[in-house]
Amino acid sequence: MIRIILPFHLRNLAHVGSEVTLEVTDLKPGPATQRSVLDALEARYPMLRGAIREHDTQQRRPFLRFFACEEDLSHEPPDAPLPDAVASGKEPFIIIGAIAGG
């Protein structure tokens, strides 16, 4: 099971609580990656398509960051395997809305 923690605006958009779980069977075969987790999340909650990643390029939206195991994964390649603790469900994959302003 993969645990995903969503920021407030994405929770409201998807009508879910702060944590969403995906079964490993929801993911594409192979190791859990940012791409496979986000693909499965968007498949289950289609209203999130385009809210986390750009429609055309599939790049992370500028004001969102990805964290896991106290590490910023935002600039990691989307097909890099996620930490084992995330893949096993011990630690969540966290999507955080960055704060900007003056």
PDB file of N, CA and C in Angstrom:
ATOM      1  N   MET A   1       0.840  -1.165   0.000  1.00  0.00           N
ATOM      2  CA  MET A   1       0.000   0.000   0.000  1.00  0.00           C
ATOM      3  C   MET A   1       0.896   1.243   0.000  1.00  0.00           C
ATOM      4  N   ILE A   2       0.553   2.206  -0.828  1.00  0.00           N
ATOM      5  CA  ILE A   2       1.260   3.479  -0.891  1.00  0.00           C
ATOM      6  C   ILE A   2       0.370   4.527  -0.221  1.00  0.00           C
ATOM      7  N   ARG A   3       0.952   5.262   0.709  1.00  0.00           N
ATOM      8  CA  ARG A   3       0.222   6.336   1.393  1.00  0.00           C
ATOM      9  C   ARG A   3       0.646   7.666   0.795  1.00  0.00           C
ATOM     10  N   ILE A   4      -0.340   8.521   0.480  1.00  0.00           N
ATOM     11  CA  ILE A   4      -0.068   9.833  -0.109  1.00  0.00           C
ATOM     12  C   ILE A   4      -0.762  10.878   0.745  1.00  0.00           C
ATOM     13  N   ILE A   5      -0.015  11.903   1.132  1.00  0.00           N
ATOM     14  CA  ILE A   5      -0.588  13.019   1.875  1.00  0.00           C
ATOM     15  C   ILE A   5      -0.715  14.188   0.913  1.00  0.00           C
ATOM     16  N   LEU A   6      -1.909  14.735   0.842  1.00  0.00           N
ATOM     17  CA  LEU A   6      -2.209  15.816  -0.091  1.00  0.00           C
ATOM     18  C   LEU A   6      -2.373  17.151   0.634  1.00  0.00           C
ATOM     19  N   PRO A   7      -2.026  18.261  -0.048  1.00  0.00           N
ATOM     20  CA  PRO A   7      -2.283  19.566   0.542  1.00  0.00           C
ATOM     21  C   PRO A   7      -3.780  19.885   0.502  1.00  0.00           C
ATOM     22  N   PHE A   8      -4.172  20.867   1.272  1.00  0.00           N
ATOM     23  CA  PHE A   8      -5.576  21.228   1.459  1.00  0.00           C
ATOM     24  C   PHE A   8      -6.318  21.425   0.137  1.00  0.00           C
ATOM     25  N   HIS A   9      -5.742  22.181  -0.800  1.00  0.00           N
ATOM     26  CA  HIS A   9      -6.472  22.489  -2.037  1.00  0.00           C
ATOM     27  C   HIS A   9      -6.703  21.237  -2.885  1.00  0.00           C
ATOM     28  N   LEU A  10      -5.776  20.282  -2.865  1.00  0.00           N
ATOM     29  CA  LEU A  10      -5.978  19.049  -3.635  1.00  0.00           C
ATOM     30  C   LEU A  10      -6.966  18.122  -2.935  1.00  0.00           C
ATOM     31  N   ARG A  11      -6.960  18.120  -1.596  1.00  0.00           N
ATOM     32  CA  ARG A  11      -7.955  17.335  -0.843  1.00  0.00           C
ATOM     33  C   ARG A  11      -9.362  17.812  -1.192  1.00  0.00           C
ATOM     34  N   ASN A  12      -9.544  19.121  -1.201  1.00  0.00           N
ATOM     35  CA  ASN A  12     -10.865  19.677  -1.531  1.00  0.00           C
ATOM     36  C   ASN A  12     -11.272  19.335  -2.954  1.00  0.00           C
ATOM     37  N   LEU A  13     -10.338  19.423  -3.861  1.00  0.00           N
ATOM     38  CA  LEU A  13     -10.630  19.124  -5.262  1.00  0.00           C
ATOM     39  C   LEU A  13     -11.051  17.668  -5.446  1.00  0.00           C
ATOM     40  N   ALA A  14     -10.378  16.760  -4.735  1.00  0.00           N
ATOM     41  CA  ALA A  14     -10.662  15.329  -4.868  1.00  0.00           C
ATOM     42  C   ALA A  14     -11.724  14.830  -3.882  1.00  0.00           C
ATOM     43  N   HIS A  15     -12.150  15.689  -2.948  1.00  0.00           N
ATOM     44  CA  HIS A  15     -13.139  15.320  -1.926  1.00  0.00           C
ATOM     45  C   HIS A  15     -12.660  14.126  -1.095  1.00  0.00           C
ATOM     46  N   VAL A  16     -11.419  14.241  -0.584  1.00  0.00           N
ATOM     47  CA  VAL A  16     -10.823  13.184   0.238  1.00  0.00           C
ATOM     48  C   VAL A  16     -10.245  13.800   1.506  1.00  0.00           C
ATOM     49  N   GLY A  17      -9.833  12.934   2.432  1.00  0.00           N
ATOM     50  CA  GLY A  17      -9.146  13.382   3.637  1.00  0.00           C
ATOM     51  C   GLY A  17      -7.695  13.712   3.324  1.00  0.00           C
ATOM     52  N   SER A  18      -6.924  13.962   4.357  1.00  0.00           N
ATOM     53  CA  SER A  18      -5.535  14.376   4.151  1.00  0.00           C
ATOM     54  C   SER A  18      -4.660  13.255   3.593  1.00  0.00           C
ATOM     55  N   GLU A  19      -5.027  11.995   3.854  1.00  0.00           N
ATOM     56  CA  GLU A  19      -4.213  10.876   3.375  1.00  0.00           C
ATOM     57  C   GLU A  19      -5.039   9.977   2.460  1.00  0.00           C
ATOM     58  N   VAL A  20      -4.447   9.629   1.347  1.00  0.00           N
ATOM     59  CA  VAL A  20      -5.058   8.732   0.361  1.00  0.00           C
ATOM     60  C   VAL A  20      -4.163   7.502   0.281  1.00  0.00           C
ATOM     61  N   THR A  21      -4.752   6.347   0.132  1.00  0.00           N
ATOM     62  CA  THR A  21      -3.949   5.132  -0.036  1.00  0.00           C
ATOM     63  C   THR A  21      -4.220   4.515  -1.403  1.00  0.00           C
ATOM     64  N   LEU A  22      -3.181   3.987  -1.975  1.00  0.00           N
ATOM     65  CA  LEU A  22      -3.272   3.268  -3.243  1.00  0.00           C
ATOM     66  C   LEU A  22      -2.697   1.881  -3.020  1.00  0.00           C
ATOM     67  N   GLU A  23      -3.336   0.896  -3.567  1.00  0.00           N
ATOM     68  CA  GLU A  23      -2.798  -0.461  -3.502  1.00  0.00           C
ATOM     69  C   GLU A  23      -1.657  -0.575  -4.504  1.00  0.00           C
ATOM     70  N   VAL A  24      -0.700  -1.382  -4.209  1.00  0.00           N
ATOM     71  CA  VAL A  24       0.428  -1.588  -5.117  1.00  0.00           C
ATOM     72  C   VAL A  24      -0.074  -2.101  -6.463  1.00  0.00           C
ATOM     73  N   THR A  25      -1.176  -2.836  -6.454  1.00  0.00           N
ATOM     74  CA  THR A  25      -1.739  -3.345  -7.717  1.00  0.00           C
ATOM     75  C   THR A  25      -2.286  -2.218  -8.590  1.00  0.00           C
ATOM     76  N   ASP A  26      -2.533  -1.034  -7.999  1.00  0.00           N
ATOM     77  CA  ASP A  26      -2.983   0.119  -8.778  1.00  0.00           C
ATOM     78  C   ASP A  26      -1.850   0.707  -9.606  1.00  0.00           C
ATOM     79  N   LEU A  27      -0.604   0.418  -9.221  1.00  0.00           N
ATOM     80  CA  LEU A  27       0.566   0.972  -9.888  1.00  0.00           C
ATOM     81  C   LEU A  27       0.947   0.113 -11.088  1.00  0.00           C
ATOM     82  N   LYS A  28       1.706   0.721 -11.984  1.00  0.00           N
ATOM     83  CA  LYS A  28       2.249  -0.038 -13.109  1.00  0.00           C
ATOM     84  C   LYS A  28       3.254  -1.049 -12.565  1.00  0.00           C
ATOM     85  N   PRO A  29       3.459  -2.155 -13.265  1.00  0.00           N
ATOM     86  CA  PRO A  29       4.450  -3.142 -12.803  1.00  0.00           C
ATOM     87  C   PRO A  29       5.838  -2.515 -12.676  1.00  0.00           C
ATOM     88  N   GLY A  30       6.585  -2.991 -11.710  1.00  0.00           N
ATOM     89  CA  GLY A  30       7.927  -2.477 -11.480  1.00  0.00           C
ATOM     90  C   GLY A  30       7.982  -1.709 -10.173  1.00  0.00           C
ATOM     91  N   PRO A  31       9.109  -1.059  -9.925  1.00  0.00           N
ATOM     92  CA  PRO A  31       9.251  -0.332  -8.658  1.00  0.00           C
ATOM     93  C   PRO A  31       8.329   0.884  -8.612  1.00  0.00           C
ATOM     94  N   ALA A  32       7.939   1.269  -7.409  1.00  0.00           N
ATOM     95  CA  ALA A  32       7.113   2.475  -7.227  1.00  0.00           C
ATOM     96  C   ALA A  32       7.974   3.697  -7.533  1.00  0.00           C
ATOM     97  N   THR A  33       7.472   4.542  -8.410  1.00  0.00           N
ATOM     98  CA  THR A  33       8.163   5.776  -8.794  1.00  0.00           C
ATOM     99  C   THR A  33       7.194   6.934  -8.651  1.00  0.00           C
ATOM    100  N   GLN A  34       7.715   8.162  -8.711  1.00  0.00           N
ATOM    101  CA  GLN A  34       6.822   9.316  -8.696  1.00  0.00           C
ATOM    102  C   GLN A  34       5.797   9.200  -9.817  1.00  0.00           C
ATOM    103  N   ARG A  35       6.278   8.849 -11.001  1.00  0.00           N
ATOM    104  CA  ARG A  35       5.377   8.760 -12.153  1.00  0.00           C
ATOM    105  C   ARG A  35       4.281   7.718 -11.927  1.00  0.00           C
ATOM    106  N   SER A  36       4.653   6.519 -11.461  1.00  0.00           N
ATOM    107  CA  SER A  36       3.641   5.471 -11.294  1.00  0.00           C
ATOM    108  C   SER A  36       2.643   5.821 -10.190  1.00  0.00           C
ATOM    109  N   VAL A  37       3.124   6.446  -9.119  1.00  0.00           N
ATOM    110  CA  VAL A  37       2.226   6.843  -8.032  1.00  0.00           C
ATOM    111  C   VAL A  37       1.283   7.942  -8.504  1.00  0.00           C
ATOM    112  N   LEU A  38       1.810   8.948  -9.191  1.00  0.00           N
ATOM    113  CA  LEU A  38       0.956  10.044  -9.662  1.00  0.00           C
ATOM    114  C   LEU A  38       0.000   9.582 -10.758  1.00  0.00           C
ATOM    115  N   ASP A  39       0.452   8.673 -11.626  1.00  0.00           N
ATOM    116  CA  ASP A  39      -0.453   8.111 -12.644  1.00  0.00           C
ATOM    117  C   ASP A  39      -1.625   7.393 -11.977  1.00  0.00           C
ATOM    118  N   ALA A  40      -1.334   6.574 -10.960  1.00  0.00           N
ATOM    119  CA  ALA A  40      -2.390   5.836 -10.257  1.00  0.00           C
ATOM    120  C   ALA A  40      -3.309   6.785  -9.486  1.00  0.00           C
ATOM    121  N   LEU A  41      -2.729   7.815  -8.880  1.00  0.00           N
ATOM    122  CA  LEU A  41      -3.536   8.796  -8.145  1.00  0.00           C
ATOM    123  C   LEU A  41      -4.486   9.524  -9.094  1.00  0.00           C
ATOM    124  N   GLU A  42      -3.981   9.947 -10.244  1.00  0.00           N
ATOM    125  CA  GLU A  42      -4.815  10.660 -11.213  1.00  0.00           C
ATOM    126  C   GLU A  42      -5.845   9.732 -11.856  1.00  0.00           C
ATOM    127  N   ALA A  43      -5.526   8.448 -11.981  1.00  0.00           N
ATOM    128  CA  ALA A  43      -6.497   7.498 -12.523  1.00  0.00           C
ATOM    129  C   ALA A  43      -7.663   7.320 -11.549  1.00  0.00           C
ATOM    130  N   ARG A  44      -7.360   7.254 -10.258  1.00  0.00           N
ATOM    131  CA  ARG A  44      -8.413   7.095  -9.257  1.00  0.00           C
ATOM    132  C   ARG A  44      -9.190   8.390  -9.039  1.00  0.00           C
ATOM    133  N   TYR A  45      -8.504   9.522  -9.112  1.00  0.00           N
ATOM    134  CA  TYR A  45      -9.126  10.829  -8.894  1.00  0.00           C
ATOM    135  C   TYR A  45      -8.858  11.702 -10.125  1.00  0.00           C
ATOM    136  N   PRO A  46      -9.641  11.520 -11.197  1.00  0.00           N
ATOM    137  CA  PRO A  46      -9.389  12.237 -12.451  1.00  0.00           C
ATOM    138  C   PRO A  46      -9.421  13.753 -12.320  1.00  0.00           C
ATOM    139  N   MET A  47     -10.120  14.260 -11.292  1.00  0.00           N
ATOM    140  CA  MET A  47     -10.170  15.701 -11.107  1.00  0.00           C
ATOM    141  C   MET A  47      -8.814  16.293 -10.734  1.00  0.00           C
ATOM    142  N   LEU A  48      -7.847  15.445 -10.369  1.00  0.00           N
ATOM    143  CA  LEU A  48      -6.504  15.919 -10.028  1.00  0.00           C
ATOM    144  C   LEU A  48      -5.597  16.040 -11.252  1.00  0.00           C
ATOM    145  N   ARG A  49      -6.039  15.523 -12.406  1.00  0.00           N
ATOM    146  CA  ARG A  49      -5.229  15.639 -13.622  1.00  0.00           C
ATOM    147  C   ARG A  49      -5.024  17.107 -13.955  1.00  0.00           C
ATOM    148  N   GLY A  50      -3.783  17.467 -14.129  1.00  0.00           N
ATOM    149  CA  GLY A  50      -3.443  18.852 -14.431  1.00  0.00           C
ATOM    150  C   GLY A  50      -3.246  19.712 -13.197  1.00  0.00           C
ATOM    151  N   ALA A  51      -3.628  19.224 -12.037  1.00  0.00           N
ATOM    152  CA  ALA A  51      -3.459  19.998 -10.806  1.00  0.00           C
ATOM    153  C   ALA A  51      -2.107  19.728 -10.146  1.00  0.00           C
ATOM    154  N   ILE A  52      -1.557  18.551 -10.367  1.00  0.00           N
ATOM    155  CA  ILE A  52      -0.261  18.186  -9.784  1.00  0.00           C
ATOM    156  C   ILE A  52       0.833  18.293 -10.834  1.00  0.00           C
ATOM    157  N   ARG A  53       0.527  17.843 -12.044  1.00  0.00           N
ATOM    158  CA  ARG A  53       1.482  17.894 -13.153  1.00  0.00           C
ATOM    159  C   ARG A  53       0.828  18.595 -14.334  1.00  0.00           C
ATOM    160  N   GLU A  54       1.653  19.230 -15.147  1.00  0.00           N
ATOM    161  CA  GLU A  54       1.164  19.872 -16.367  1.00  0.00           C
ATOM    162  C   GLU A  54       0.571  18.810 -17.292  1.00  0.00           C
ATOM    163  N   HIS A  55      -0.515  19.155 -17.980  1.00  0.00           N
ATOM    164  CA  HIS A  55      -1.161  18.194 -18.880  1.00  0.00           C
ATOM    165  C   HIS A  55      -0.210  17.702 -19.969  1.00  0.00           C
ATOM    166  N   ASP A  56       0.457  18.621 -20.647  1.00  0.00           N
ATOM    167  CA  ASP A  56       1.256  18.262 -21.814  1.00  0.00           C
ATOM    168  C   ASP A  56       2.590  17.627 -21.457  1.00  0.00           C
ATOM    169  N   THR A  57       3.333  18.260 -20.559  1.00  0.00           N
ATOM    170  CA  THR A  57       4.705  17.826 -20.281  1.00  0.00           C
ATOM    171  C   THR A  57       4.804  16.827 -19.134  1.00  0.00           C
ATOM    172  N   GLN A  58       3.768  16.708 -18.321  1.00  0.00           N
ATOM    173  CA  GLN A  58       3.767  15.857 -17.136  1.00  0.00           C
ATOM    174  C   GLN A  58       4.798  16.309 -16.098  1.00  0.00           C
ATOM    175  N   GLN A  59       5.259  17.552 -16.205  1.00  0.00           N
ATOM    176  CA  GLN A  59       6.194  18.109 -15.234  1.00  0.00           C
ATOM    177  C   GLN A  59       5.428  18.581 -14.002  1.00  0.00           C
ATOM    178  N   ARG A  60       6.071  18.503 -12.854  1.00  0.00           N
ATOM    179  CA  ARG A  60       5.488  18.962 -11.589  1.00  0.00           C
ATOM    180  C   ARG A  60       5.106  20.431 -11.704  1.00  0.00           C
ATOM    181  N   ARG A  61       3.937  20.773 -11.183  1.00  0.00           N
ATOM    182  CA  ARG A  61       3.511  22.175 -11.157  1.00  0.00           C
ATOM    183  C   ARG A  61       4.479  22.982 -10.296  1.00  0.00           C
ATOM    184  N   PRO A  62       4.730  24.252 -10.641  1.00  0.00           N
ATOM    185  CA  PRO A  62       5.761  25.032  -9.949  1.00  0.00           C
ATOM    186  C   PRO A  62       5.572  25.185  -8.440  1.00  0.00           C
ATOM    187  N   PHE A  63       4.366  25.285  -7.952  1.00  0.00           N
ATOM    188  CA  PHE A  63       4.167  25.539  -6.530  1.00  0.00           C
ATOM    189  C   PHE A  63       3.827  24.281  -5.734  1.00  0.00           C
ATOM    190  N   LEU A  64       4.217  23.135  -6.259  1.00  0.00           N
ATOM    191  CA  LEU A  64       4.056  21.876  -5.527  1.00  0.00           C
ATOM    192  C   LEU A  64       5.429  21.244  -5.337  1.00  0.00           C
ATOM    193  N   ARG A  65       5.612  20.596  -4.203  1.00  0.00           N
ATOM    194  CA  ARG A  65       6.858  19.901  -3.896  1.00  0.00           C
ATOM    195  C   ARG A  65       6.524  18.485  -3.463  1.00  0.00           C
ATOM    196  N   PHE A  66       7.443  17.557  -3.717  1.00  0.00           N
ATOM    197  CA  PHE A  66       7.276  16.159  -3.324  1.00  0.00           C
ATOM    198  C   PHE A  66       8.315  15.804  -2.267  1.00  0.00           C
ATOM    199  N   PHE A  67       7.864  15.176  -1.190  1.00  0.00           N
ATOM    200  CA  PHE A  67       8.756  14.760  -0.106  1.00  0.00           C
ATOM    201  C   PHE A  67       8.473  13.313   0.273  1.00  0.00           C
ATOM    202  N   ALA A  68       9.496  12.641   0.766  1.00  0.00           N
ATOM    203  CA  ALA A  68       9.356  11.303   1.332  1.00  0.00           C
ATOM    204  C   ALA A  68      10.571  11.046   2.211  1.00  0.00           C
ATOM    205  N   CYS A  69      10.340  10.435   3.358  1.00  0.00           N
ATOM    206  CA  CYS A  69      11.428  10.078   4.275  1.00  0.00           C
ATOM    207  C   CYS A  69      12.305  11.288   4.601  1.00  0.00           C
ATOM    208  N   GLU A  70      11.654  12.430   4.808  1.00  0.00           N
ATOM    209  CA  GLU A  70      12.322  13.690   5.168  1.00  0.00           C
ATOM    210  C   GLU A  70      13.281  14.197   4.092  1.00  0.00           C
ATOM    211  N   GLU A  71      13.061  13.798   2.845  1.00  0.00           N
ATOM    212  CA  GLU A  71      13.887  14.243   1.733  1.00  0.00           C
ATOM    213  C   GLU A  71      13.015  14.901   0.677  1.00  0.00           C
ATOM    214  N   ASP A  72      13.543  15.969   0.078  1.00  0.00           N
ATOM    215  CA  ASP A  72      12.853  16.646  -1.011  1.00  0.00           C
ATOM    216  C   ASP A  72      13.124  15.869  -2.290  1.00  0.00           C
ATOM    217  N   LEU A  73      12.075  15.313  -2.867  1.00  0.00           N
ATOM    218  CA  LEU A  73      12.199  14.532  -4.100  1.00  0.00           C
ATOM    219  C   LEU A  73      11.731  15.313  -5.324  1.00  0.00           C
ATOM    220  N   SER A  74      11.473  16.596  -5.145  1.00  0.00           N
ATOM    221  CA  SER A  74      10.870  17.410  -6.206  1.00  0.00           C
ATOM    222  C   SER A  74      11.702  17.449  -7.484  1.00  0.00           C
ATOM    223  N   HIS A  75      13.009  17.382  -7.364  1.00  0.00           N
ATOM    224  CA  HIS A  75      13.863  17.480  -8.549  1.00  0.00           C
ATOM    225  C   HIS A  75      14.454  16.140  -8.970  1.00  0.00           C
ATOM    226  N   GLU A  76      13.980  15.070  -8.345  1.00  0.00           N
ATOM    227  CA  GLU A  76      14.410  13.731  -8.746  1.00  0.00           C
ATOM    228  C   GLU A  76      13.726  13.355 -10.067  1.00  0.00           C
ATOM    229  N   PRO A  77      14.347  12.507 -10.872  1.00  0.00           N
ATOM    230  CA  PRO A  77      13.683  12.058 -12.106  1.00  0.00           C
ATOM    231  C   PRO A  77      12.374  11.337 -11.767  1.00  0.00           C
ATOM    232  N   PRO A  78      11.333  11.540 -12.563  1.00  0.00           N
ATOM    233  CA  PRO A  78      10.038  10.929 -12.253  1.00  0.00           C
ATOM    234  C   PRO A  78      10.042   9.402 -12.270  1.00  0.00           C
ATOM    235  N   ASP A  79      11.029   8.794 -12.929  1.00  0.00           N
ATOM    236  CA  ASP A  79      11.082   7.340 -12.987  1.00  0.00           C
ATOM    237  C   ASP A  79      12.092   6.734 -12.016  1.00  0.00           C
ATOM    238  N   ALA A  80      12.662   7.558 -11.141  1.00  0.00           N
ATOM    239  CA  ALA A  80      13.564   7.034 -10.110  1.00  0.00           C
ATOM    240  C   ALA A  80      12.729   6.307  -9.058  1.00  0.00           C
ATOM    241  N   PRO A  81      13.178   5.159  -8.595  1.00  0.00           N
ATOM    242  CA  PRO A  81      12.411   4.434  -7.575  1.00  0.00           C
ATOM    243  C   PRO A  81      12.259   5.260  -6.297  1.00  0.00           C
ATOM    244  N   LEU A  82      11.078   5.198  -5.705  1.00  0.00           N
ATOM    245  CA  LEU A  82      10.850   5.848  -4.425  1.00  0.00           C
ATOM    246  C   LEU A  82      11.527   5.037  -3.325  1.00  0.00           C
ATOM    247  N   PRO A  83      11.817   5.656  -2.180  1.00  0.00           N
ATOM    248  CA  PRO A  83      12.434   4.896  -1.084  1.00  0.00           C
ATOM    249  C   PRO A  83      11.594   3.673  -0.711  1.00  0.00           C
ATOM    250  N   ASP A  84      12.261   2.629  -0.248  1.00  0.00           N
ATOM    251  CA  ASP A  84      11.583   1.392   0.134  1.00  0.00           C
ATOM    252  C   ASP A  84      10.519   1.626   1.195  1.00  0.00           C
ATOM    253  N   ALA A  85      10.763   2.563   2.120  1.00  0.00           N
ATOM    254  CA  ALA A  85       9.790   2.848   3.179  1.00  0.00           C
ATOM    255  C   ALA A  85       8.483   3.387   2.603  1.00  0.00           C
ATOM    256  N   VAL A  86       8.556   4.102   1.489  1.00  0.00           N
ATOM    257  CA  VAL A  86       7.345   4.601   0.830  1.00  0.00           C
ATOM    258  C   VAL A  86       6.657   3.458   0.091  1.00  0.00           C
ATOM    259  N   ALA A  87       7.432   2.675  -0.634  1.00  0.00           N
ATOM    260  CA  ALA A  87       6.872   1.564  -1.399  1.00  0.00           C
ATOM    261  C   ALA A  87       6.198   0.533  -0.497  1.00  0.00           C
ATOM    262  N   SER A  88       6.670   0.406   0.746  1.00  0.00           N
ATOM    263  CA  SER A  88       6.084  -0.568   1.671  1.00  0.00           C
ATOM    264  C   SER A  88       4.946   0.018   2.495  1.00  0.00           C
ATOM    265  N   GLY A  89       4.723   1.321   2.403  1.00  0.00           N
ATOM    266  CA  GLY A  89       3.641   1.958   3.156  1.00  0.00           C
ATOM    267  C   GLY A  89       4.034   2.419   4.543  1.00  0.00           C
ATOM    268  N   LYS A  90       5.289   2.238   4.930  1.00  0.00           N
ATOM    269  CA  LYS A  90       5.738   2.690   6.254  1.00  0.00           C
ATOM    270  C   LYS A  90       5.801   4.209   6.340  1.00  0.00           C
ATOM    271  N   GLU A  91       6.195   4.845   5.259  1.00  0.00           N
ATOM    272  CA  GLU A  91       6.294   6.307   5.192  1.00  0.00           C
ATOM    273  C   GLU A  91       5.412   6.795   4.045  1.00  0.00           C
ATOM    274  N   PRO A  92       4.815   7.991   4.185  1.00  0.00           N
ATOM    275  CA  PRO A  92       3.976   8.509   3.103  1.00  0.00           C
ATOM    276  C   PRO A  92       4.786   9.240   2.039  1.00  0.00           C
ATOM    277  N   PHE A  93       4.215   9.321   0.852  1.00  0.00           N
ATOM    278  CA  PHE A  93       4.679  10.208  -0.211  1.00  0.00           C
ATOM    279  C   PHE A  93       3.889  11.493   0.008  1.00  0.00           C
ATOM    280  N   ILE A  94       4.579  12.594   0.230  1.00  0.00           N
ATOM    281  CA  ILE A  94       3.915  13.836   0.620  1.00  0.00           C
ATOM    282  C   ILE A  94       3.971  14.846  -0.515  1.00  0.00           C
ATOM    283  N   ILE A  95       2.826  15.408  -0.851  1.00  0.00           N
ATOM    284  CA  ILE A  95       2.743  16.490  -1.817  1.00  0.00           C
ATOM    285  C   ILE A  95       2.417  17.740  -1.014  1.00  0.00           C
ATOM    286  N   ILE A  96       3.282  18.733  -1.119  1.00  0.00           N
ATOM    287  CA  ILE A  96       3.119  19.964  -0.341  1.00  0.00           C
ATOM    288  C   ILE A  96       2.941  21.136  -1.295  1.00  0.00           C
ATOM    289  N   GLY A  97       1.988  21.985  -0.979  1.00  0.00           N
ATOM    290  CA  GLY A  97       1.811  23.226  -1.703  1.00  0.00           C
ATOM    291  C   GLY A  97       2.811  24.243  -1.178  1.00  0.00           C
ATOM    292  N   ALA A  98       3.720  24.710  -2.039  1.00  0.00           N
ATOM    293  CA  ALA A  98       4.722  25.672  -1.616  1.00  0.00           C
ATOM    294  C   ALA A  98       4.063  27.008  -1.316  1.00  0.00           C
ATOM    295  N   ILE A  99       4.653  27.720  -0.395  1.00  0.00           N
ATOM    296  CA  ILE A  99       4.130  29.029  -0.009  1.00  0.00           C
ATOM    297  C   ILE A  99       5.012  30.095  -0.641  1.00  0.00           C
ATOM    298  N   ALA A 100       4.382  31.044  -1.278  1.00  0.00           N
ATOM    299  CA  ALA A 100       5.117  32.146  -1.892  1.00  0.00           C
ATOM    300  C   ALA A 100       4.441  33.459  -1.507  1.00  0.00           C
ATOM    301  N   GLY A 101       5.170  34.479  -1.594  1.00  0.00           N
ATOM    302  CA  GLY A 101       4.603  35.790  -1.295  1.00  0.00           C
ATOM    303  C   GLY A 101       5.609  36.670  -0.595  1.00  0.00           C
ATOM    304  N   GLY A 102       5.165  37.848  -0.247  1.00  0.00           N
ATOM    305  CA  GLY A 102       6.100  38.803   0.349  1.00  0.00           C
ATOM    306  C   GLY A 102       5.777  39.167   1.743  1.00  0.00           C
TER     307      GLY A 102
END
